[in-house]
Protein backbone atom coordinates (compact mmCIF):
# COMPACT_ATOMS: atom_id res chain seq x y z
CA MET A 1 -134.19 -102.22 -44.46
CA ALA A 2 -134.85 -100.69 -47.85
CA LEU A 3 -132.01 -100.46 -50.34
CA ILE A 4 -131.67 -97.33 -52.47
CA SER A 5 -130.14 -96.91 -55.92
CA LEU A 6 -129.08 -93.32 -56.44
CA CYS A 7 -129.41 -92.44 -60.13
CA MET A 8 -127.83 -89.30 -61.55
CA ILE A 9 -127.39 -87.72 -64.95
CA VAL A 10 -124.41 -85.37 -65.28
CA LYS A 11 -122.47 -83.25 -67.72
CA ASN A 12 -119.34 -81.21 -66.95
CA GLU A 13 -119.82 -81.38 -63.19
CA GLU A 14 -116.25 -82.05 -62.04
CA LYS A 15 -116.34 -79.12 -59.59
CA VAL A 16 -119.37 -80.26 -57.58
CA LEU A 17 -119.85 -83.98 -58.11
CA SER A 18 -117.62 -85.05 -55.21
CA ARG A 19 -119.54 -82.77 -52.87
CA CYS A 20 -122.75 -84.56 -53.80
CA LEU A 21 -121.38 -88.11 -53.79
CA ASP A 22 -119.54 -87.72 -50.48
CA ALA A 23 -122.97 -87.24 -48.91
CA ALA A 24 -124.63 -89.90 -51.04
CA LYS A 25 -122.27 -92.59 -49.73
CA ARG A 26 -124.00 -92.29 -46.37
CA PHE A 27 -127.40 -93.47 -47.59
CA ALA A 28 -127.09 -94.90 -51.12
CA ASP A 29 -126.54 -98.64 -51.51
CA GLU A 30 -125.84 -98.27 -55.23
CA ILE A 31 -124.68 -95.21 -57.16
CA ILE A 32 -125.37 -94.92 -60.87
CA VAL A 33 -123.95 -92.02 -62.85
CA VAL A 34 -125.01 -91.42 -66.45
CA ASP A 35 -122.87 -88.94 -68.35
CA THR A 36 -124.51 -87.08 -71.24
CA GLY A 37 -121.38 -85.74 -72.89
CA SER A 38 -118.89 -84.29 -70.41
CA GLU A 39 -115.77 -82.62 -71.73
CA ASP A 40 -114.06 -82.37 -68.35
CA SER A 41 -113.07 -84.99 -65.75
CA THR A 42 -116.62 -85.70 -64.54
CA ARG A 43 -116.40 -89.39 -65.44
CA ASP A 44 -113.14 -89.82 -63.53
CA VAL A 45 -114.66 -88.17 -60.46
CA ALA A 46 -117.67 -90.48 -60.67
CA ARG A 47 -115.50 -93.60 -61.00
CA ALA A 48 -113.89 -92.80 -57.66
CA TYR A 49 -117.30 -93.53 -56.07
CA THR A 50 -118.83 -96.20 -58.29
CA ASP A 51 -118.03 -98.55 -61.13
CA LYS A 52 -121.49 -97.97 -62.57
CA VAL A 53 -120.70 -95.02 -64.83
CA TYR A 54 -122.47 -95.03 -68.19
CA ASP A 55 -122.48 -92.86 -71.30
CA PHE A 56 -125.73 -91.65 -72.83
CA GLU A 57 -125.85 -89.93 -76.18
CA TRP A 58 -127.65 -86.65 -75.59
CA ASN A 59 -130.90 -86.35 -77.57
CA CYS A 60 -132.42 -83.16 -76.12
CA ASP A 61 -134.62 -85.19 -73.77
CA PHE A 62 -133.89 -85.09 -70.05
CA SER A 63 -136.52 -87.74 -69.30
CA ALA A 64 -134.87 -90.17 -71.69
CA ALA A 65 -131.56 -89.75 -69.89
CA ARG A 66 -133.11 -90.08 -66.44
CA ASN A 67 -135.14 -93.14 -67.45
CA TYR A 68 -131.93 -94.70 -68.75
CA SER A 69 -130.31 -94.12 -65.37
CA PHE A 70 -133.29 -95.75 -63.63
CA SER A 71 -133.04 -98.74 -65.97
CA LYS A 72 -129.63 -99.53 -64.48
CA ALA A 73 -130.91 -99.61 -60.89
CA GLU A 74 -131.03 -102.96 -59.09
CA ASN A 75 -132.47 -102.03 -55.70
CA GLU A 76 -135.98 -101.77 -54.33
CA TYR A 77 -135.99 -97.96 -54.40
CA VAL A 78 -134.59 -95.41 -56.82
CA MET A 79 -133.56 -91.88 -55.88
CA TRP A 80 -132.39 -88.97 -58.00
CA LEU A 81 -130.09 -86.05 -57.31
CA ASP A 82 -128.48 -83.42 -59.52
CA ALA A 83 -124.73 -83.03 -59.27
CA ASP A 84 -125.03 -79.59 -57.70
CA ASP A 85 -127.46 -80.74 -55.02
CA VAL A 86 -126.34 -80.80 -51.40
CA VAL A 87 -127.57 -83.22 -48.74
CA LYS A 88 -126.52 -82.11 -45.30
CA GLU A 89 -125.46 -84.62 -42.68
CA SER A 90 -128.70 -84.17 -40.74
CA GLU A 91 -130.73 -84.96 -43.87
CA CYS A 92 -128.58 -87.95 -44.72
CA ALA A 93 -129.44 -89.29 -41.25
CA LYS A 94 -133.15 -88.79 -41.95
CA ILE A 95 -132.88 -90.80 -45.17
CA VAL A 96 -131.03 -93.60 -43.36
CA LYS A 97 -133.72 -93.63 -40.68
CA TRP A 98 -136.45 -93.77 -43.35
CA LYS A 99 -134.74 -96.79 -44.90
CA ASP A 100 -135.24 -98.69 -41.64
CA ASN A 101 -138.99 -98.48 -42.07
CA PRO A 102 -139.95 -97.44 -45.61
CA ASP A 103 -143.57 -96.43 -45.56
CA CYS A 104 -144.49 -95.50 -49.11
CA ASP A 105 -144.04 -95.90 -52.86
CA THR A 106 -143.34 -92.20 -53.49
CA LEU A 107 -141.40 -90.13 -50.97
CA TYR A 108 -141.44 -86.38 -51.42
CA CYS A 109 -138.67 -84.21 -50.01
CA ILE A 110 -138.36 -80.45 -49.71
CA TYR A 111 -136.19 -78.88 -52.40
CA ASP A 112 -134.57 -75.63 -51.31
CA ALA A 113 -133.58 -73.84 -54.51
CA ALA A 114 -132.62 -70.32 -53.42
CA PHE A 115 -131.24 -68.73 -50.26
CA ASP A 116 -130.81 -65.33 -48.67
CA SER A 117 -127.52 -63.82 -47.52
CA ALA A 118 -127.86 -65.64 -44.18
CA GLY A 119 -128.31 -69.00 -45.90
CA ARG A 120 -132.01 -69.30 -45.17
CA PRO A 121 -134.19 -70.85 -47.89
CA THR A 122 -136.20 -68.29 -49.85
CA PHE A 123 -137.58 -70.56 -52.59
CA SER A 124 -138.67 -74.11 -51.80
CA PHE A 125 -141.02 -76.75 -53.16
CA MET A 126 -141.77 -80.44 -52.78
CA ARG A 127 -140.29 -82.91 -55.24
CA GLU A 128 -140.76 -86.62 -55.70
CA ARG A 129 -137.34 -87.89 -54.64
CA ILE A 130 -137.35 -91.60 -53.67
CA LEU A 131 -139.60 -94.04 -55.49
CA LYS A 132 -140.35 -97.75 -55.67
CA ASN A 133 -138.27 -99.20 -58.48
CA ASP A 134 -140.98 -100.51 -60.76
CA LYS A 135 -142.65 -99.64 -64.05
CA ARG A 136 -144.53 -96.73 -62.49
CA ALA A 137 -141.32 -94.79 -61.83
CA VAL A 138 -141.15 -93.12 -65.24
CA TRP A 139 -139.87 -89.65 -66.04
CA LYS A 140 -142.00 -87.56 -68.40
CA GLY A 141 -141.26 -84.32 -70.21
CA PHE A 142 -138.17 -83.66 -72.30
CA ILE A 143 -137.37 -80.67 -70.06
CA HIS A 144 -138.61 -79.68 -66.59
CA GLU A 145 -139.13 -83.40 -66.30
CA CYS A 146 -141.01 -85.08 -63.46
CA ILE A 147 -142.46 -88.38 -62.27
CA GLU A 148 -146.16 -88.68 -61.59
CA PRO A 149 -146.50 -89.77 -57.94
CA PHE A 150 -147.92 -93.24 -57.48
CA GLY A 151 -149.03 -95.69 -54.82
CA GLN A 152 -148.69 -94.72 -51.19
CA ILE A 153 -147.40 -91.14 -51.08
CA VAL A 154 -145.60 -89.53 -48.14
CA LYS A 155 -144.41 -85.93 -47.93
CA SER A 156 -141.41 -85.78 -45.62
CA ASP A 157 -139.43 -83.03 -43.93
CA ILE A 158 -136.18 -84.20 -45.54
CA ARG A 159 -134.49 -81.24 -47.24
CA ILE A 160 -132.31 -81.29 -50.34
CA GLU A 161 -130.49 -78.08 -51.26
CA HIS A 162 -129.78 -76.96 -54.81
CA ARG A 163 -126.40 -75.21 -54.64
CA PRO A 164 -124.93 -74.52 -58.08
CA LEU A 165 -121.60 -72.74 -58.13
CA PRO A 166 -121.86 -68.99 -58.78
CA ASP A 167 -119.76 -69.25 -61.94
CA LYS A 168 -121.83 -72.01 -63.54
CA LEU A 169 -122.71 -70.93 -67.05
CA LYS A 170 -126.03 -71.80 -68.64
CA LYS A 171 -127.05 -70.80 -72.12
CA PRO A 172 -130.07 -68.51 -71.58
CA ASP A 173 -132.13 -69.98 -74.41
CA ARG A 174 -131.08 -73.61 -73.93
CA ASN A 175 -134.47 -74.73 -72.63
CA LEU A 176 -136.32 -72.84 -75.35
CA GLU A 177 -134.17 -74.49 -78.00
CA ILE A 178 -134.94 -77.92 -76.55
CA TYR A 179 -138.67 -77.22 -76.64
CA ARG A 180 -138.55 -75.96 -80.20
CA MET A 181 -136.42 -78.87 -81.36
CA ASN A 182 -138.83 -81.42 -79.90
CA ILE A 183 -141.88 -79.58 -81.25
CA LYS A 184 -140.25 -79.58 -84.67
CA LYS A 185 -139.84 -83.36 -84.35
CA GLY A 186 -143.59 -83.67 -83.72
CA ALA A 187 -143.79 -83.74 -79.92
CA ARG A 188 -147.23 -82.93 -78.51
CA LEU A 189 -147.34 -80.63 -75.50
CA GLY A 190 -149.39 -81.61 -72.48
CA ALA A 191 -150.62 -79.09 -69.93
CA ARG A 192 -147.44 -79.06 -67.87
CA ASP A 193 -145.30 -78.72 -71.00
CA ARG A 194 -147.38 -75.73 -72.11
CA LEU A 195 -146.87 -74.02 -68.78
CA TYR A 196 -143.10 -74.36 -68.90
CA TYR A 197 -142.80 -73.70 -72.61
CA GLY A 198 -144.82 -70.54 -72.08
CA LYS A 199 -142.48 -69.49 -69.26
CA GLU A 200 -139.44 -70.08 -71.46
CA LEU A 201 -141.00 -68.02 -74.26
CA ILE A 202 -141.64 -65.14 -71.87
CA TYR A 203 -138.16 -65.40 -70.35
CA ASN A 204 -136.61 -65.18 -73.81
CA GLY A 205 -138.58 -62.16 -74.95
CA TYR A 206 -141.61 -63.72 -76.65
CA ALA A 207 -144.07 -62.43 -74.06
CA GLU A 208 -147.31 -62.44 -76.02
CA GLU A 209 -146.68 -65.90 -77.47
CA GLY A 210 -145.80 -67.17 -74.01
CA VAL A 211 -148.97 -65.78 -72.46
CA LEU A 212 -151.10 -67.45 -75.13
CA MET A 213 -149.29 -70.75 -74.58
CA ILE A 214 -149.93 -70.68 -70.82
CA GLU A 215 -153.56 -69.65 -71.28
CA SER A 216 -154.04 -72.57 -73.68
CA MET A 217 -153.35 -75.06 -70.91
CA LEU A 218 -155.95 -73.80 -68.43
CA ASN A 219 -158.82 -75.90 -69.79
CA MET A 220 -156.80 -79.00 -70.61
CA ARG A 221 -157.94 -82.14 -68.83
CA ASP A 222 -154.45 -82.97 -67.57
CA ALA A 223 -153.83 -79.50 -66.11
CA PHE A 224 -152.96 -79.59 -62.40
CA TYR A 225 -154.65 -76.88 -60.36
CA VAL A 226 -151.36 -75.71 -58.84
CA ASN A 227 -149.92 -75.29 -62.34
CA LYS A 228 -153.00 -73.28 -63.34
CA ILE A 229 -152.44 -70.93 -60.40
CA GLU A 230 -148.73 -70.59 -61.14
CA GLY A 231 -149.49 -70.07 -64.82
CA LEU A 232 -151.98 -67.30 -64.11
CA ARG A 233 -149.48 -65.60 -61.84
CA THR A 234 -146.96 -65.66 -64.68
CA VAL A 235 -149.57 -64.31 -67.10
CA ALA A 236 -150.52 -61.53 -64.68
CA GLU A 237 -146.93 -60.49 -64.01
CA THR A 238 -146.20 -60.47 -67.73
CA LYS A 239 -149.26 -58.36 -68.56
CA HIS A 240 -148.38 -55.99 -65.74
CA ARG A 241 -144.89 -55.59 -67.14
CA LEU A 242 -146.34 -54.92 -70.60
CA GLY A 243 -148.61 -52.19 -69.22
CA ASP A 244 -151.88 -54.13 -69.32
CA LYS A 245 -152.83 -53.60 -65.68
CA ALA A 246 -156.50 -54.51 -66.20
CA GLY A 247 -155.47 -57.79 -67.83
CA ALA A 248 -153.05 -58.45 -64.98
CA LYS A 249 -155.76 -57.94 -62.39
CA ARG A 250 -158.11 -60.28 -64.24
CA ALA A 251 -155.44 -63.00 -64.38
CA TYR A 252 -154.65 -62.66 -60.69
CA ALA A 253 -158.35 -62.83 -59.82
CA GLN A 254 -158.94 -65.83 -62.08
CA SER A 255 -156.42 -67.81 -60.03
CA PHE A 256 -158.88 -67.76 -57.11
CA THR A 257 -161.19 -70.06 -59.09
CA TYR A 258 -158.61 -72.85 -58.90
CA GLY A 259 -157.59 -72.77 -55.24
CA ALA A 260 -156.96 -70.77 -52.09
CA PRO A 261 -155.17 -67.43 -52.53
CA ARG A 262 -151.39 -67.58 -52.77
CA ALA A 263 -149.20 -64.90 -51.20
CA GLY A 264 -147.54 -64.04 -54.51
CA ILE A 265 -150.94 -63.41 -56.09
CA LEU A 266 -152.06 -61.23 -53.20
CA ASN A 267 -148.85 -59.20 -53.32
CA GLY A 268 -149.35 -58.73 -57.06
CA LEU A 269 -152.83 -57.33 -56.50
CA GLY A 270 -151.41 -55.12 -53.79
CA ARG A 271 -148.81 -53.68 -56.14
CA LEU A 272 -151.45 -52.91 -58.76
CA ALA A 273 -153.51 -51.00 -56.19
CA LYS A 274 -150.43 -49.25 -54.86
CA GLU A 275 -149.49 -48.05 -58.35
CA ALA A 276 -153.03 -46.69 -58.67
CA ARG A 277 -152.43 -44.86 -55.37
CA ASP A 278 -155.28 -46.75 -53.75
CA TYR A 279 -153.33 -47.37 -50.58
CA GLU A 280 -156.32 -48.66 -48.60
CA GLU A 281 -156.92 -51.45 -51.11
CA ALA A 282 -153.21 -52.13 -51.41
CA ALA A 283 -152.86 -52.50 -47.64
CA LEU A 284 -155.77 -54.93 -47.64
CA TRP A 285 -154.00 -57.21 -50.13
CA PHE A 286 -150.63 -57.02 -48.38
CA LYS A 287 -152.22 -57.83 -45.00
CA ALA A 288 -153.92 -60.82 -46.61
CA ALA A 289 -150.53 -62.01 -47.87
CA LEU A 290 -149.23 -61.96 -44.28
CA ASN A 291 -152.02 -64.36 -43.33
CA CYS A 292 -151.58 -66.62 -46.34
CA ALA A 293 -150.89 -70.31 -45.78
CA ASP A 294 -147.80 -72.16 -46.96
CA HIS A 295 -148.96 -74.23 -49.95
CA SER A 296 -145.64 -75.90 -50.74
CA ARG A 297 -146.91 -79.35 -49.77
CA GLU A 298 -149.47 -79.03 -52.55
CA GLY A 299 -146.68 -78.57 -55.07
CA ASP A 300 -146.41 -74.78 -55.09
CA PHE A 301 -143.12 -72.97 -55.50
CA GLU A 302 -142.88 -71.53 -52.00
CA ARG A 303 -141.25 -68.13 -51.61
CA VAL A 304 -141.19 -67.55 -47.86
CA GLU A 305 -140.51 -63.81 -48.19
CA GLU A 306 -143.85 -63.37 -49.95
CA ARG A 307 -145.62 -64.27 -46.72
CA ASN A 308 -143.60 -61.97 -44.45
CA LEU A 309 -140.77 -59.72 -45.64
CA ILE A 310 -142.34 -58.39 -48.84
CA PRO A 311 -145.79 -57.54 -47.43
CA TYR A 312 -144.19 -55.94 -44.36
CA ILE A 313 -142.07 -53.68 -46.59
CA GLU A 314 -145.03 -52.82 -48.80
CA LEU A 315 -147.29 -52.15 -45.82
CA SER A 316 -144.78 -49.76 -44.29
CA CYS A 317 -145.01 -47.71 -47.48
CA CYS A 318 -148.81 -47.85 -47.82
CA LEU A 319 -149.44 -46.99 -44.19
CA TRP A 320 -146.99 -44.11 -44.39
CA GLU A 321 -148.93 -42.72 -47.36
CA LEU A 322 -152.13 -43.09 -45.33
CA LYS A 323 -150.45 -41.05 -42.55
CA ARG A 324 -150.66 -44.00 -40.17
CA TYR A 325 -147.06 -43.48 -39.14
CA GLU A 326 -146.90 -45.66 -36.03
CA GLU A 327 -148.31 -48.66 -37.89
CA ALA A 328 -145.94 -47.97 -40.78
CA ALA A 329 -142.99 -47.98 -38.40
CA GLU A 330 -144.18 -51.26 -36.86
CA MET A 331 -144.25 -52.90 -40.30
CA HIS A 332 -140.79 -51.56 -41.07
CA PHE A 333 -139.31 -52.97 -37.88
CA LYS A 334 -140.91 -56.36 -38.54
CA ALA A 335 -139.26 -56.37 -41.96
CA ALA A 336 -135.94 -55.32 -40.41
CA ASP A 337 -136.15 -58.22 -37.95
CA ILE A 338 -136.35 -60.61 -40.91
CA SER A 339 -133.79 -59.04 -43.25
CA PRO A 340 -131.95 -56.03 -41.82
CA GLU A 341 -129.69 -55.72 -44.88
CA HIS A 342 -132.46 -55.80 -47.48
CA PRO A 343 -132.11 -52.72 -49.75
CA SER A 344 -135.67 -51.57 -49.08
CA VAL A 345 -135.24 -51.98 -45.34
CA LYS A 346 -132.02 -49.97 -45.43
CA PHE A 347 -133.73 -47.26 -47.48
CA ASN A 348 -136.66 -47.06 -45.08
CA GLU A 349 -134.32 -46.52 -42.14
CA ARG A 350 -134.12 -42.93 -43.40
CA PHE A 351 -137.73 -42.51 -42.30
CA PHE A 352 -138.02 -44.86 -39.35
CA GLY A 353 -134.49 -45.14 -37.97
CA LYS A 354 -133.46 -48.31 -36.13
CA ARG A 355 -135.32 -50.02 -33.34
């Protein structure tokens, strides 16, 4: 049986840490908690579960803190969780079963990061979660940190849920400040850093600078094709928002040179055509989104609604404009089956009624 060291970094997580560690006790053989400067009772909560609680002086580098936590691990495998992650009992059982016959060096799990009103995941992606405890298990990136997968890689169906409390406060420009501080100290940005730095710039109101930053990573040798596609989607959405619809369309189209079409890209092209009142073209793109594959196992940020709910809603509108009323109603009812309380579905009931 494999033994797992769970390694966590925390700060001011007294409200959720027990929820996480109660689950972790079921599969973790060692629990390591590294505190980066809590001002509440987080350390006391952690000590109720483990005597391996350490302090780490925060230096604006998440990888440094996570690598420190890994350095304390004594078992064959290391695993990471955030304090506001939830591992359901069924998923704990899957991890325990995996320990009986560990089959890889890097085990990916599904990370569910957002949910609809019924509790169904709406935003999911694969993350490296359990790794062989050796020199290859190294975190990189001072923010939006990750570990490059190594050795034998397995992508599992184990699900981890990210469930922060609704009242958790986060400084909006925290990530941007961390990037700028590290750049000021001389840090060089790789392709992945440029993608996320560009996103933070855009999020904080520096749209043009952010677009240029993301575009600068496209031809870098270490740029991952999935990040190129995600980056071009961000560029396109930003240009669309700024009124540059031609530039948005070019960015969406450029993404096709790096991989198969993604539903979010196809929906974006559909919206551009819809705004131009070209409802035939718009319907073509939205129908394509319905037939789009799930690319989450490649590393994409998977938004399930982009492959069903959103294109159904958009198609009901486009087909209505094309006077194809029966088809429009069919699309509406398909959307209603998925999310009957969605604002657009409720609005469209004025035209289509209920099934």
